[in-house]
Amino acid sequence: MTDITTFHPSGALRARFSRLFASIGEGFVAYADRRSRRSQIEELNALSDGELAARGISRDQIVAHVFRDRLLSL
């Protein structure tokens, strides 16, 4: 005689896996966002003061400029 057992995850287990994968995805999005912003900061830092002034930014405002969407939402 053969006994077959089928595993069906409960709703709670499925929800835990869903939260796990969602948090992993959020981590990747946050990492990509940080890389992108760091690249923007490096590009702006590479400009001369005159080029920054033409864009309406001073050197000490670069970080605030790059993160302006985050700063405004606080």
C-alpha atoms as a PDB file:
ATOM      1  CA  MET A   1       0.000   0.000   0.000  1.00  0.00           C
ATOM      2  CA  THR A   2       1.297   3.483  -0.899  1.00  0.00           C
ATOM      3  CA  ASP A   3       0.621   6.557   1.159  1.00  0.00           C
ATOM      4  CA  ILE A   4       0.770   9.937  -0.602  1.00  0.00           C
ATOM      5  CA  THR A   5       0.951  13.127   1.386  1.00  0.00           C
ATOM      6  CA  THR A   6       0.475  16.483  -0.295  1.00  0.00           C
ATOM      7  CA  PHE A   7       1.656  19.649   1.425  1.00  0.00           C
ATOM      8  CA  HIS A   8      -0.523  22.713   1.054  1.00  0.00           C
ATOM      9  CA  PRO A   9       0.905  25.739   2.823  1.00  0.00           C
ATOM     10  CA  SER A  10      -1.494  27.497   5.121  1.00  0.00           C
ATOM     11  CA  GLY A  11      -2.605  31.041   4.523  1.00  0.00           C
ATOM     12  CA  ALA A  12      -0.349  32.240   7.346  1.00  0.00           C
ATOM     13  CA  LEU A  13       2.711  30.552   5.843  1.00  0.00           C
ATOM     14  CA  ARG A  14       1.885  31.941   2.412  1.00  0.00           C
ATOM     15  CA  ALA A  15       1.563  35.428   3.936  1.00  0.00           C
ATOM     16  CA  ARG A  16       4.966  35.080   5.618  1.00  0.00           C
ATOM     17  CA  PHE A  17       6.613  34.104   2.327  1.00  0.00           C
ATOM     18  CA  SER A  18       4.842  36.960   0.600  1.00  0.00           C
ATOM     19  CA  ARG A  19       6.151  39.456   3.183  1.00  0.00           C
ATOM     20  CA  LEU A  20       9.648  37.962   2.903  1.00  0.00           C
ATOM     21  CA  PHE A  21       9.771  38.358  -0.872  1.00  0.00           C
ATOM     22  CA  ALA A  22       8.205  41.815  -0.680  1.00  0.00           C
ATOM     23  CA  SER A  23      10.886  42.990   1.755  1.00  0.00           C
ATOM     24  CA  ILE A  24      13.635  41.512  -0.449  1.00  0.00           C
ATOM     25  CA  GLY A  25      12.155  43.408  -3.403  1.00  0.00           C
ATOM     26  CA  GLU A  26      11.987  46.623  -1.383  1.00  0.00           C
ATOM     27  CA  GLY A  27      15.652  46.147  -0.477  1.00  0.00           C
ATOM     28  CA  PHE A  28      16.621  45.904  -4.145  1.00  0.00           C
ATOM     29  CA  VAL A  29      14.617  49.033  -4.967  1.00  0.00           C
ATOM     30  CA  ALA A  30      16.267  50.955  -2.108  1.00  0.00           C
ATOM     31  CA  TYR A  31      19.725  49.806  -3.256  1.00  0.00           C
ATOM     32  CA  ALA A  32      19.063  50.907  -6.844  1.00  0.00           C
ATOM     33  CA  ASP A  33      17.754  54.262  -5.603  1.00  0.00           C
ATOM     34  CA  ARG A  34      20.885  54.870  -3.497  1.00  0.00           C
ATOM     35  CA  ARG A  35      23.170  53.975  -6.418  1.00  0.00           C
ATOM     36  CA  SER A  36      21.291  56.303  -8.725  1.00  0.00           C
ATOM     37  CA  ARG A  37      21.407  59.199  -6.277  1.00  0.00           C
ATOM     38  CA  ARG A  38      25.091  58.638  -5.570  1.00  0.00           C
ATOM     39  CA  SER A  39      25.762  58.775  -9.326  1.00  0.00           C
ATOM     40  CA  GLN A  40      23.841  62.055  -9.561  1.00  0.00           C
ATOM     41  CA  ILE A  41      25.875  63.522  -6.693  1.00  0.00           C
ATOM     42  CA  GLU A  42      29.149  62.444  -8.318  1.00  0.00           C
ATOM     43  CA  GLU A  43      28.104  63.912 -11.680  1.00  0.00           C
ATOM     44  CA  LEU A  44      27.153  67.235 -10.099  1.00  0.00           C
ATOM     45  CA  ASN A  45      30.357  67.326  -8.035  1.00  0.00           C
ATOM     46  CA  ALA A  46      32.351  66.888 -11.252  1.00  0.00           C
ATOM     47  CA  LEU A  47      30.874  70.107 -12.685  1.00  0.00           C
ATOM     48  CA  SER A  48      32.576  73.450 -12.258  1.00  0.00           C
ATOM     49  CA  ASP A  49      31.069  76.098 -10.003  1.00  0.00           C
ATOM     50  CA  GLY A  50      29.991  78.029 -13.106  1.00  0.00           C
ATOM     51  CA  GLU A  51      28.194  75.005 -14.551  1.00  0.00           C
ATOM     52  CA  LEU A  52      26.457  74.426 -11.236  1.00  0.00           C
ATOM     53  CA  ALA A  53      25.446  78.088 -11.074  1.00  0.00           C
ATOM     54  CA  ALA A  54      23.957  77.786 -14.564  1.00  0.00           C
ATOM     55  CA  ARG A  55      21.759  75.008 -13.173  1.00  0.00           C
ATOM     56  CA  GLY A  56      20.833  77.133 -10.176  1.00  0.00           C
ATOM     57  CA  ILE A  57      22.757  74.988  -7.678  1.00  0.00           C
ATOM     58  CA  SER A  58      25.665  75.853  -5.443  1.00  0.00           C
ATOM     59  CA  ARG A  59      28.181  73.191  -4.428  1.00  0.00           C
ATOM     60  CA  ASP A  60      26.875  73.008  -0.856  1.00  0.00           C
ATOM     61  CA  GLN A  61      23.330  72.403  -2.153  1.00  0.00           C
ATOM     62  CA  ILE A  62      24.137  69.321  -4.271  1.00  0.00           C
ATOM     63  CA  VAL A  63      22.993  66.695  -1.759  1.00  0.00           C
ATOM     64  CA  ALA A  64      19.830  68.629  -0.903  1.00  0.00           C
ATOM     65  CA  HIS A  65      19.130  69.022  -4.630  1.00  0.00           C
ATOM     66  CA  VAL A  66      19.509  65.284  -5.313  1.00  0.00           C
ATOM     67  CA  PHE A  67      17.343  64.318  -2.318  1.00  0.00           C
ATOM     68  CA  ARG A  68      14.835  67.171  -2.701  1.00  0.00           C
ATOM     69  CA  ASP A  69      11.892  64.785  -3.272  1.00  0.00           C
ATOM     70  CA  ARG A  70      12.656  62.994  -0.010  1.00  0.00           C
ATOM     71  CA  LEU A  71      13.257  66.188   1.950  1.00  0.00           C
ATOM     72  CA  LEU A  72       9.982  67.741   0.821  1.00  0.00           C
ATOM     73  CA  SER A  73       7.965  64.688   1.907  1.00  0.00           C
ATOM     74  CA  LEU A  74       9.201  64.838   5.520  1.00  0.00           C
END
